[in-house]
Amino acid sequence: LHYEDVSLDLLGLALEGPVKNCSLSKRETLLLEAFLQHPNEPLTREILFAKVWGPNSEVEYGNLDNYIHFIRRRLKSTGSKLEIKTLRSVGYKMVMGQ
């Protein structure tokens, strides 16, 4: 899965950026896949929970926040200019930064 300056290897659980590559956990991969399939679109917490943990999972919001933090660090470590923005009372959105 390719978008802007990154490539996501869904089977190999790896992210390739302009500077370096990094390995991802299964949940990080699922979360990043959701953002890369819907760039520049707001994704609600409910949508992200359903895609990563399943629709009937009893996961707390803090878990999602932690994984968003992990993904932000991974993108930065690969040298990508992609960013995940927090949209208050909505969710998150992946955008290309400066």
PDB file of N, CA and C in Angstrom:
ATOM      1  N   LEU A   1       0.869  -1.170   0.000  1.00  0.00           N
ATOM      2  CA  LEU A   1       0.000   0.000   0.000  1.00  0.00           C
ATOM      3  C   LEU A   1       0.910   1.226   0.000  1.00  0.00           C
ATOM      4  N   HIS A   2       0.760   2.077  -1.010  1.00  0.00           N
ATOM      5  CA  HIS A   2       1.623   3.253  -1.156  1.00  0.00           C
ATOM      6  C   HIS A   2       0.791   4.534  -1.055  1.00  0.00           C
ATOM      7  N   TYR A   3       1.358   5.531  -0.382  1.00  0.00           N
ATOM      8  CA  TYR A   3       0.753   6.858  -0.358  1.00  0.00           C
ATOM      9  C   TYR A   3       1.848   7.874  -0.075  1.00  0.00           C
ATOM     10  N   GLU A   4       1.881   8.920  -0.867  1.00  0.00           N
ATOM     11  CA  GLU A   4       2.873   9.997  -0.741  1.00  0.00           C
ATOM     12  C   GLU A   4       4.284   9.424  -0.627  1.00  0.00           C
ATOM     13  N   ASP A   5       4.936   9.573   0.540  1.00  0.00           N
ATOM     14  CA  ASP A   5       6.338   9.171   0.661  1.00  0.00           C
ATOM     15  C   ASP A   5       6.543   7.890   1.473  1.00  0.00           C
ATOM     16  N   VAL A   6       5.467   7.089   1.671  1.00  0.00           N
ATOM     17  CA  VAL A   6       5.611   5.841   2.418  1.00  0.00           C
ATOM     18  C   VAL A   6       5.002   4.657   1.667  1.00  0.00           C
ATOM     19  N   SER A   7       5.491   3.477   2.023  1.00  0.00           N
ATOM     20  CA  SER A   7       4.918   2.214   1.557  1.00  0.00           C
ATOM     21  C   SER A   7       4.699   1.332   2.771  1.00  0.00           C
ATOM     22  N   LEU A   8       3.533   0.714   2.839  1.00  0.00           N
ATOM     23  CA  LEU A   8       3.194  -0.170   3.943  1.00  0.00           C
ATOM     24  C   LEU A   8       3.130  -1.594   3.425  1.00  0.00           C
ATOM     25  N   ASP A   9       3.935  -2.469   3.995  1.00  0.00           N
ATOM     26  CA  ASP A   9       3.934  -3.888   3.662  1.00  0.00           C
ATOM     27  C   ASP A   9       2.983  -4.573   4.639  1.00  0.00           C
ATOM     28  N   LEU A  10       1.780  -4.893   4.157  1.00  0.00           N
ATOM     29  CA  LEU A  10       0.742  -5.452   5.023  1.00  0.00           C
ATOM     30  C   LEU A  10       1.085  -6.854   5.522  1.00  0.00           C
ATOM     31  N   LEU A  11       1.724  -7.642   4.694  1.00  0.00           N
ATOM     32  CA  LEU A  11       2.079  -9.007   5.100  1.00  0.00           C
ATOM     33  C   LEU A  11       3.349  -9.036   5.932  1.00  0.00           C
ATOM     34  N   GLY A  12       4.314  -8.207   5.572  1.00  0.00           N
ATOM     35  CA  GLY A  12       5.588  -8.176   6.274  1.00  0.00           C
ATOM     36  C   GLY A  12       5.594  -7.288   7.507  1.00  0.00           C
ATOM     37  N   LEU A  13       4.475  -6.580   7.749  1.00  0.00           N
ATOM     38  CA  LEU A  13       4.333  -5.687   8.903  1.00  0.00           C
ATOM     39  C   LEU A  13       5.495  -4.695   8.973  1.00  0.00           C
ATOM     40  N   ALA A  14       5.694  -3.971   7.859  1.00  0.00           N
ATOM     41  CA  ALA A  14       6.807  -3.023   7.796  1.00  0.00           C
ATOM     42  C   ALA A  14       6.373  -1.738   7.100  1.00  0.00           C
ATOM     43  N   LEU A  15       6.993  -0.649   7.511  1.00  0.00           N
ATOM     44  CA  LEU A  15       6.748   0.668   6.920  1.00  0.00           C
ATOM     45  C   LEU A  15       8.048   1.152   6.298  1.00  0.00           C
ATOM     46  N   GLU A  16       7.980   1.546   5.037  1.00  0.00           N
ATOM     47  CA  GLU A  16       9.150   2.066   4.325  1.00  0.00           C
ATOM     48  C   GLU A  16       8.941   3.545   4.057  1.00  0.00           C
ATOM     49  N   GLY A  17       9.885   4.340   4.509  1.00  0.00           N
ATOM     50  CA  GLY A  17       9.816   5.783   4.295  1.00  0.00           C
ATOM     51  C   GLY A  17      10.989   6.263   3.481  1.00  0.00           C
ATOM     52  N   PRO A  18      11.105   7.569   3.275  1.00  0.00           N
ATOM     53  CA  PRO A  18      12.183   8.113   2.452  1.00  0.00           C
ATOM     54  C   PRO A  18      13.567   7.970   3.068  1.00  0.00           C
ATOM     55  N   VAL A  19      13.670   7.855   4.389  1.00  0.00           N
ATOM     56  CA  VAL A  19      14.968   7.788   5.058  1.00  0.00           C
ATOM     57  C   VAL A  19      15.312   6.371   5.515  1.00  0.00           C
ATOM     58  N   LYS A  20      14.328   5.679   6.122  1.00  0.00           N
ATOM     59  CA  LYS A  20      14.579   4.318   6.591  1.00  0.00           C
ATOM     60  C   LYS A  20      13.277   3.541   6.717  1.00  0.00           C
ATOM     61  N   ASN A  21      13.400   2.252   7.020  1.00  0.00           N
ATOM     62  CA  ASN A  21      12.259   1.367   7.204  1.00  0.00           C
ATOM     63  C   ASN A  21      12.132   1.023   8.683  1.00  0.00           C
ATOM     64  N   CYS A  22      10.942   0.583   9.084  1.00  0.00           N
ATOM     65  CA  CYS A  22      10.770   0.092  10.446  1.00  0.00           C
ATOM     66  C   CYS A  22       9.723  -1.010  10.454  1.00  0.00           C
ATOM     67  N   SER A  23       9.823  -1.874  11.453  1.00  0.00           N
ATOM     68  CA  SER A  23       8.828  -2.941  11.600  1.00  0.00           C
ATOM     69  C   SER A  23       7.669  -2.419  12.453  1.00  0.00           C
ATOM     70  N   LEU A  24       6.510  -3.030  12.254  1.00  0.00           N
ATOM     71  CA  LEU A  24       5.293  -2.619  12.957  1.00  0.00           C
ATOM     72  C   LEU A  24       4.642  -3.823  13.616  1.00  0.00           C
ATOM     73  N   SER A  25       3.849  -3.565  14.638  1.00  0.00           N
ATOM     74  CA  SER A  25       3.014  -4.624  15.208  1.00  0.00           C
ATOM     75  C   SER A  25       1.796  -4.804  14.295  1.00  0.00           C
ATOM     76  N   LYS A  26       1.055  -5.872  14.516  1.00  0.00           N
ATOM     77  CA  LYS A  26      -0.143  -6.132  13.714  1.00  0.00           C
ATOM     78  C   LYS A  26      -1.150  -4.992  13.874  1.00  0.00           C
ATOM     79  N   ARG A  27      -1.365  -4.534  15.087  1.00  0.00           N
ATOM     80  CA  ARG A  27      -2.329  -3.446  15.314  1.00  0.00           C
ATOM     81  C   ARG A  27      -1.849  -2.132  14.693  1.00  0.00           C
ATOM     82  N   GLU A  28      -0.569  -1.845  14.798  1.00  0.00           N
ATOM     83  CA  GLU A  28      -0.027  -0.636  14.156  1.00  0.00           C
ATOM     84  C   GLU A  28      -0.250  -0.701  12.652  1.00  0.00           C
ATOM     85  N   THR A  29      -0.035  -1.878  12.080  1.00  0.00           N
ATOM     86  CA  THR A  29      -0.228  -2.053  10.638  1.00  0.00           C
ATOM     87  C   THR A  29      -1.688  -1.828  10.257  1.00  0.00           C
ATOM     88  N   LEU A  30      -2.611  -2.404  11.018  1.00  0.00           N
ATOM     89  CA  LEU A  30      -4.038  -2.228  10.728  1.00  0.00           C
ATOM     90  C   LEU A  30      -4.451  -0.765  10.847  1.00  0.00           C
ATOM     91  N   LEU A  31      -3.944  -0.094  11.850  1.00  0.00           N
ATOM     92  CA  LEU A  31      -4.274   1.316  12.060  1.00  0.00           C
ATOM     93  C   LEU A  31      -3.716   2.174  10.926  1.00  0.00           C
ATOM     94  N   LEU A  32      -2.475   1.948  10.573  1.00  0.00           N
ATOM     95  CA  LEU A  32      -1.862   2.715   9.488  1.00  0.00           C
ATOM     96  C   LEU A  32      -2.540   2.418   8.158  1.00  0.00           C
ATOM     97  N   GLU A  33      -2.953   1.176   7.958  1.00  0.00           N
ATOM     98  CA  GLU A  33      -3.683   0.812   6.743  1.00  0.00           C
ATOM     99  C   GLU A  33      -4.968   1.637   6.620  1.00  0.00           C
ATOM    100  N   ALA A  34      -5.689   1.791   7.721  1.00  0.00           N
ATOM    101  CA  ALA A  34      -6.930   2.575   7.710  1.00  0.00           C
ATOM    102  C   ALA A  34      -6.660   4.014   7.284  1.00  0.00           C
ATOM    103  N   PHE A  35      -5.596   4.612   7.824  1.00  0.00           N
ATOM    104  CA  PHE A  35      -5.258   5.990   7.457  1.00  0.00           C
ATOM    105  C   PHE A  35      -4.805   6.096   6.007  1.00  0.00           C
ATOM    106  N   LEU A  36      -4.008   5.139   5.546  1.00  0.00           N
ATOM    107  CA  LEU A  36      -3.489   5.205   4.171  1.00  0.00           C
ATOM    108  C   LEU A  36      -4.587   4.946   3.137  1.00  0.00           C
ATOM    109  N   GLN A  37      -5.606   4.203   3.508  1.00  0.00           N
ATOM    110  CA  GLN A  37      -6.727   3.963   2.595  1.00  0.00           C
ATOM    111  C   GLN A  37      -7.689   5.151   2.541  1.00  0.00           C
ATOM    112  N   HIS A  38      -7.601   6.031   3.540  1.00  0.00           N
ATOM    113  CA  HIS A  38      -8.504   7.186   3.609  1.00  0.00           C
ATOM    114  C   HIS A  38      -7.723   8.454   3.951  1.00  0.00           C
ATOM    115  N   PRO A  39      -6.727   8.806   3.128  1.00  0.00           N
ATOM    116  CA  PRO A  39      -5.930  10.004   3.441  1.00  0.00           C
ATOM    117  C   PRO A  39      -6.782  11.267   3.353  1.00  0.00           C
ATOM    118  N   ASN A  40      -6.461  12.219   4.187  1.00  0.00           N
ATOM    119  CA  ASN A  40      -7.155  13.510   4.224  1.00  0.00           C
ATOM    120  C   ASN A  40      -8.627  13.401   4.582  1.00  0.00           C
ATOM    121  N   GLU A  41      -9.052  12.239   5.086  1.00  0.00           N
ATOM    122  CA  GLU A  41     -10.438  12.060   5.509  1.00  0.00           C
ATOM    123  C   GLU A  41     -10.469  11.897   7.028  1.00  0.00           C
ATOM    124  N   PRO A  42     -11.413  12.536   7.691  1.00  0.00           N
ATOM    125  CA  PRO A  42     -11.539  12.326   9.134  1.00  0.00           C
ATOM    126  C   PRO A  42     -11.986  10.892   9.416  1.00  0.00           C
ATOM    127  N   LEU A  43     -11.318  10.234  10.353  1.00  0.00           N
ATOM    128  CA  LEU A  43     -11.710   8.897  10.787  1.00  0.00           C
ATOM    129  C   LEU A  43     -12.090   8.983  12.264  1.00  0.00           C
ATOM    130  N   THR A  44     -13.312   8.584  12.563  1.00  0.00           N
ATOM    131  CA  THR A  44     -13.770   8.638  13.947  1.00  0.00           C
ATOM    132  C   THR A  44     -13.104   7.536  14.764  1.00  0.00           C
ATOM    133  N   ARG A  45     -13.148   7.707  16.054  1.00  0.00           N
ATOM    134  CA  ARG A  45     -12.615   6.682  16.955  1.00  0.00           C
ATOM    135  C   ARG A  45     -13.343   5.356  16.737  1.00  0.00           C
ATOM    136  N   GLU A  46     -14.640   5.421  16.510  1.00  0.00           N
ATOM    137  CA  GLU A  46     -15.439   4.215  16.329  1.00  0.00           C
ATOM    138  C   GLU A  46     -14.995   3.438  15.085  1.00  0.00           C
ATOM    139  N   ILE A  47     -14.738   4.154  13.999  1.00  0.00           N
ATOM    140  CA  ILE A  47     -14.259   3.508  12.769  1.00  0.00           C
ATOM    141  C   ILE A  47     -12.909   2.844  13.024  1.00  0.00           C
ATOM    142  N   LEU A  48     -12.012   3.554  13.682  1.00  0.00           N
ATOM    143  CA  LEU A  48     -10.682   3.009  13.952  1.00  0.00           C
ATOM    144  C   LEU A  48     -10.755   1.805  14.892  1.00  0.00           C
ATOM    145  N   PHE A  49     -11.596   1.875  15.920  1.00  0.00           N
ATOM    146  CA  PHE A  49     -11.766   0.732  16.819  1.00  0.00           C
ATOM    147  C   PHE A  49     -12.257  -0.491  16.042  1.00  0.00           C
ATOM    148  N   ALA A  50     -13.253  -0.291  15.179  1.00  0.00           N
ATOM    149  CA  ALA A  50     -13.817  -1.407  14.409  1.00  0.00           C
ATOM    150  C   ALA A  50     -12.779  -2.026  13.484  1.00  0.00           C
ATOM    151  N   LYS A  51     -11.954  -1.209  12.834  1.00  0.00           N
ATOM    152  CA  LYS A  51     -10.959  -1.723  11.891  1.00  0.00           C
ATOM    153  C   LYS A  51      -9.797  -2.429  12.588  1.00  0.00           C
ATOM    154  N   VAL A  52      -9.426  -1.958  13.761  1.00  0.00           N
ATOM    155  CA  VAL A  52      -8.233  -2.492  14.426  1.00  0.00           C
ATOM    156  C   VAL A  52      -8.572  -3.567  15.467  1.00  0.00           C
ATOM    157  N   TRP A  53      -9.595  -3.350  16.266  1.00  0.00           N
ATOM    158  CA  TRP A  53      -9.915  -4.289  17.346  1.00  0.00           C
ATOM    159  C   TRP A  53     -11.175  -5.102  17.096  1.00  0.00           C
ATOM    160  N   GLY A  54     -11.979  -4.701  16.129  1.00  0.00           N
ATOM    161  CA  GLY A  54     -13.242  -5.391  15.860  1.00  0.00           C
ATOM    162  C   GLY A  54     -14.409  -4.596  16.416  1.00  0.00           C
ATOM    163  N   PRO A  55     -15.583  -4.748  15.811  1.00  0.00           N
ATOM    164  CA  PRO A  55     -16.724  -3.907  16.177  1.00  0.00           C
ATOM    165  C   PRO A  55     -17.251  -4.111  17.593  1.00  0.00           C
ATOM    166  N   ASN A  56     -17.080  -5.275  18.183  1.00  0.00           N
ATOM    167  CA  ASN A  56     -17.651  -5.534  19.508  1.00  0.00           C
ATOM    168  C   ASN A  56     -16.602  -5.615  20.610  1.00  0.00           C
ATOM    169  N   SER A  57     -15.439  -5.102  20.331  1.00  0.00           N
ATOM    170  CA  SER A  57     -14.356  -5.163  21.309  1.00  0.00           C
ATOM    171  C   SER A  57     -14.571  -4.141  22.419  1.00  0.00           C
ATOM    172  N   GLU A  58     -14.153  -4.508  23.626  1.00  0.00           N
ATOM    173  CA  GLU A  58     -14.271  -3.593  24.760  1.00  0.00           C
ATOM    174  C   GLU A  58     -12.910  -2.972  25.059  1.00  0.00           C
ATOM    175  N   VAL A  59     -12.460  -2.144  24.146  1.00  0.00           N
ATOM    176  CA  VAL A  59     -11.164  -1.480  24.267  1.00  0.00           C
ATOM    177  C   VAL A  59     -11.397  -0.051  24.725  1.00  0.00           C
ATOM    178  N   GLU A  60     -10.514   0.441  25.563  1.00  0.00           N
ATOM    179  CA  GLU A  60     -10.645   1.808  26.062  1.00  0.00           C
ATOM    180  C   GLU A  60     -10.012   2.800  25.095  1.00  0.00           C
ATOM    181  N   TYR A  61     -10.485   4.039  25.142  1.00  0.00           N
ATOM    182  CA  TYR A  61      -9.959   5.085  24.261  1.00  0.00           C
ATOM    183  C   TYR A  61      -8.452   5.261  24.427  1.00  0.00           C
ATOM    184  N   GLY A  62      -7.963   5.071  25.639  1.00  0.00           N
ATOM    185  CA  GLY A  62      -6.531   5.228  25.889  1.00  0.00           C
ATOM    186  C   GLY A  62      -5.684   4.305  25.035  1.00  0.00           C
ATOM    187  N   ASN A  63      -6.180   3.101  24.739  1.00  0.00           N
ATOM    188  CA  ASN A  63      -5.434   2.182  23.877  1.00  0.00           C
ATOM    189  C   ASN A  63      -5.257   2.764  22.480  1.00  0.00           C
ATOM    190  N   LEU A  64      -6.325   3.335  21.935  1.00  0.00           N
ATOM    191  CA  LEU A  64      -6.236   3.944  20.615  1.00  0.00           C
ATOM    192  C   LEU A  64      -5.265   5.118  20.643  1.00  0.00           C
ATOM    193  N   ASP A  65      -5.353   5.931  21.667  1.00  0.00           N
ATOM    194  CA  ASP A  65      -4.448   7.077  21.792  1.00  0.00           C
ATOM    195  C   ASP A  65      -2.991   6.622  21.817  1.00  0.00           C
ATOM    196  N   ASN A  66      -2.708   5.526  22.520  1.00  0.00           N
ATOM    197  CA  ASN A  66      -1.346   4.993  22.564  1.00  0.00           C
ATOM    198  C   ASN A  66      -0.881   4.551  21.177  1.00  0.00           C
ATOM    199  N   TYR A  67      -1.737   3.863  20.442  1.00  0.00           N
ATOM    200  CA  TYR A  67      -1.352   3.397  19.109  1.00  0.00           C
ATOM    201  C   TYR A  67      -1.187   4.556  18.134  1.00  0.00           C
ATOM    202  N   ILE A  68      -1.977   5.596  18.277  1.00  0.00           N
ATOM    203  CA  ILE A  68      -1.799   6.794  17.447  1.00  0.00           C
ATOM    204  C   ILE A  68      -0.424   7.388  17.735  1.00  0.00           C
ATOM    205  N   HIS A  69      -0.051   7.442  19.003  1.00  0.00           N
ATOM    206  CA  HIS A  69       1.275   7.935  19.388  1.00  0.00           C
ATOM    207  C   HIS A  69       2.372   7.082  18.752  1.00  0.00           C
ATOM    208  N   PHE A  70       2.217   5.759  18.790  1.00  0.00           N
ATOM    209  CA  PHE A  70       3.208   4.862  18.184  1.00  0.00           C
ATOM    210  C   PHE A  70       3.341   5.127  16.691  1.00  0.00           C
ATOM    211  N   ILE A  71       2.205   5.277  16.004  1.00  0.00           N
ATOM    212  CA  ILE A  71       2.217   5.499  14.550  1.00  0.00           C
ATOM    213  C   ILE A  71       2.880   6.837  14.214  1.00  0.00           C
ATOM    214  N   ARG A  72       2.594   7.852  14.991  1.00  0.00           N
ATOM    215  CA  ARG A  72       3.239   9.156  14.770  1.00  0.00           C
ATOM    216  C   ARG A  72       4.759   9.026  14.882  1.00  0.00           C
ATOM    217  N   ARG A  73       5.230   8.300  15.890  1.00  0.00           N
ATOM    218  CA  ARG A  73       6.674   8.083  16.064  1.00  0.00           C
ATOM    219  C   ARG A  73       7.265   7.295  14.902  1.00  0.00           C
ATOM    220  N   ARG A  74       6.548   6.282  14.447  1.00  0.00           N
ATOM    221  CA  ARG A  74       7.036   5.457  13.329  1.00  0.00           C
ATOM    222  C   ARG A  74       7.160   6.294  12.055  1.00  0.00           C
ATOM    223  N   LEU A  75       6.140   7.086  11.767  1.00  0.00           N
ATOM    224  CA  LEU A  75       6.191   7.936  10.565  1.00  0.00           C
ATOM    225  C   LEU A  75       7.383   8.886  10.638  1.00  0.00           C
ATOM    226  N   LYS A  76       7.569   9.500  11.798  1.00  0.00           N
ATOM    227  CA  LYS A  76       8.676  10.438  11.979  1.00  0.00           C
ATOM    228  C   LYS A  76      10.023   9.731  11.828  1.00  0.00           C
ATOM    229  N   SER A  77      10.137   8.528  12.391  1.00  0.00           N
ATOM    230  CA  SER A  77      11.418   7.810  12.342  1.00  0.00           C
ATOM    231  C   SER A  77      11.809   7.409  10.918  1.00  0.00           C
ATOM    232  N   THR A  78      10.826   7.235  10.037  1.00  0.00           N
ATOM    233  CA  THR A  78      11.134   6.864   8.654  1.00  0.00           C
ATOM    234  C   THR A  78      11.434   8.084   7.781  1.00  0.00           C
ATOM    235  N   GLY A  79      11.252   9.275   8.337  1.00  0.00           N
ATOM    236  CA  GLY A  79      11.503  10.500   7.582  1.00  0.00           C
ATOM    237  C   GLY A  79      10.308  10.965   6.770  1.00  0.00           C
ATOM    238  N   SER A  80       9.154  10.356   6.993  1.00  0.00           N
ATOM    239  CA  SER A  80       7.949  10.730   6.252  1.00  0.00           C
ATOM    240  C   SER A  80       7.459  12.106   6.677  1.00  0.00           C
ATOM    241  N   LYS A  81       6.832  12.799   5.747  1.00  0.00           N
ATOM    242  CA  LYS A  81       6.207  14.083   6.051  1.00  0.00           C
ATOM    243  C   LYS A  81       4.723  13.923   6.379  1.00  0.00           C
ATOM    244  N   LEU A  82       4.230  12.679   6.375  1.00  0.00           N
ATOM    245  CA  LEU A  82       2.842  12.438   6.746  1.00  0.00           C
ATOM    246  C   LEU A  82       2.668  12.633   8.244  1.00  0.00           C
ATOM    247  N   GLU A  83       1.534  13.188   8.616  1.00  0.00           N
ATOM    248  CA  GLU A  83       1.222  13.442  10.018  1.00  0.00           C
ATOM    249  C   GLU A  83      -0.194  12.987  10.305  1.00  0.00           C
ATOM    250  N   ILE A  84      -0.432  12.586  11.536  1.00  0.00           N
ATOM    251  CA  ILE A  84      -1.783  12.262  11.975  1.00  0.00           C
ATOM    252  C   ILE A  84      -2.231  13.386  12.895  1.00  0.00           C
ATOM    253  N   LYS A  85      -3.239  14.097  12.452  1.00  0.00           N
ATOM    254  CA  LYS A  85      -3.774  15.229  13.207  1.00  0.00           C
ATOM    255  C   LYS A  85      -4.959  14.785  14.054  1.00  0.00           C
ATOM    256  N   THR A  86      -5.037  15.325  15.242  1.00  0.00           N
ATOM    257  CA  THR A  86      -6.185  15.081  16.114  1.00  0.00           C
ATOM    258  C   THR A  86      -7.272  16.094  15.773  1.00  0.00           C
ATOM    259  N   LEU A  87      -8.469  15.598  15.551  1.00  0.00           N
ATOM    260  CA  LEU A  87      -9.624  16.459  15.288  1.00  0.00           C
ATOM    261  C   LEU A  87     -10.526  16.391  16.521  1.00  0.00           C
ATOM    262  N   ARG A  88     -10.519  17.454  17.295  1.00  0.00           N
ATOM    263  CA  ARG A  88     -11.279  17.465  18.550  1.00  0.00           C
ATOM    264  C   ARG A  88     -12.738  17.086  18.326  1.00  0.00           C
ATOM    265  N   SER A  89     -13.227  16.188  19.162  1.00  0.00           N
ATOM    266  CA  SER A  89     -14.613  15.707  19.136  1.00  0.00           C
ATOM    267  C   SER A  89     -14.971  14.944  17.869  1.00  0.00           C
ATOM    268  N   VAL A  90     -13.973  14.624  17.024  1.00  0.00           N
ATOM    269  CA  VAL A  90     -14.238  13.882  15.789  1.00  0.00           C
ATOM    270  C   VAL A  90     -13.415  12.603  15.756  1.00  0.00           C
ATOM    271  N   GLY A  91     -12.099  12.747  15.758  1.00  0.00           N
ATOM    272  CA  GLY A  91     -11.207  11.595  15.647  1.00  0.00           C
ATOM    273  C   GLY A  91      -9.840  12.044  15.168  1.00  0.00           C
ATOM    274  N   TYR A  92      -9.391  11.462  14.059  1.00  0.00           N
ATOM    275  CA  TYR A  92      -8.060  11.743  13.530  1.00  0.00           C
ATOM    276  C   TYR A  92      -8.098  11.834  12.015  1.00  0.00           C
ATOM    277  N   LYS A  93      -7.046  12.463  11.454  1.00  0.00           N
ATOM    278  CA  LYS A  93      -6.936  12.570  10.000  1.00  0.00           C
ATOM    279  C   LYS A  93      -5.462  12.562   9.632  1.00  0.00           C
ATOM    280  N   MET A  94      -5.108  11.807   8.573  1.00  0.00           N
ATOM    281  CA  MET A  94      -3.732  11.788   8.081  1.00  0.00           C
ATOM    282  C   MET A  94      -3.595  12.846   7.001  1.00  0.00           C
ATOM    283  N   VAL A  95      -2.572  13.698   7.154  1.00  0.00           N
ATOM    284  CA  VAL A  95      -2.324  14.776   6.191  1.00  0.00           C
ATOM    285  C   VAL A  95      -0.825  14.835   5.882  1.00  0.00           C
ATOM    286  N   MET A  96      -0.505  15.497   4.792  1.00  0.00           N
ATOM    287  CA  MET A  96       0.888  15.724   4.441  1.00  0.00           C
ATOM    288  C   MET A  96       1.334  17.020   5.106  1.00  0.00           C
ATOM    289  N   GLY A  97       2.394  16.940   5.902  1.00  0.00           N
ATOM    290  CA  GLY A  97       2.915  18.116   6.592  1.00  0.00           C
ATOM    291  C   GLY A  97       3.866  18.901   5.701  1.00  0.00           C
ATOM    292  N   GLN A  98       4.443  19.964   6.254  1.00  0.00           N
ATOM    293  CA  GLN A  98       5.384  20.801   5.502  1.00  0.00           C
ATOM    294  C   GLN A  98       6.760  20.215   5.532  1.00  0.00           C
TER     295      GLN A  98
END
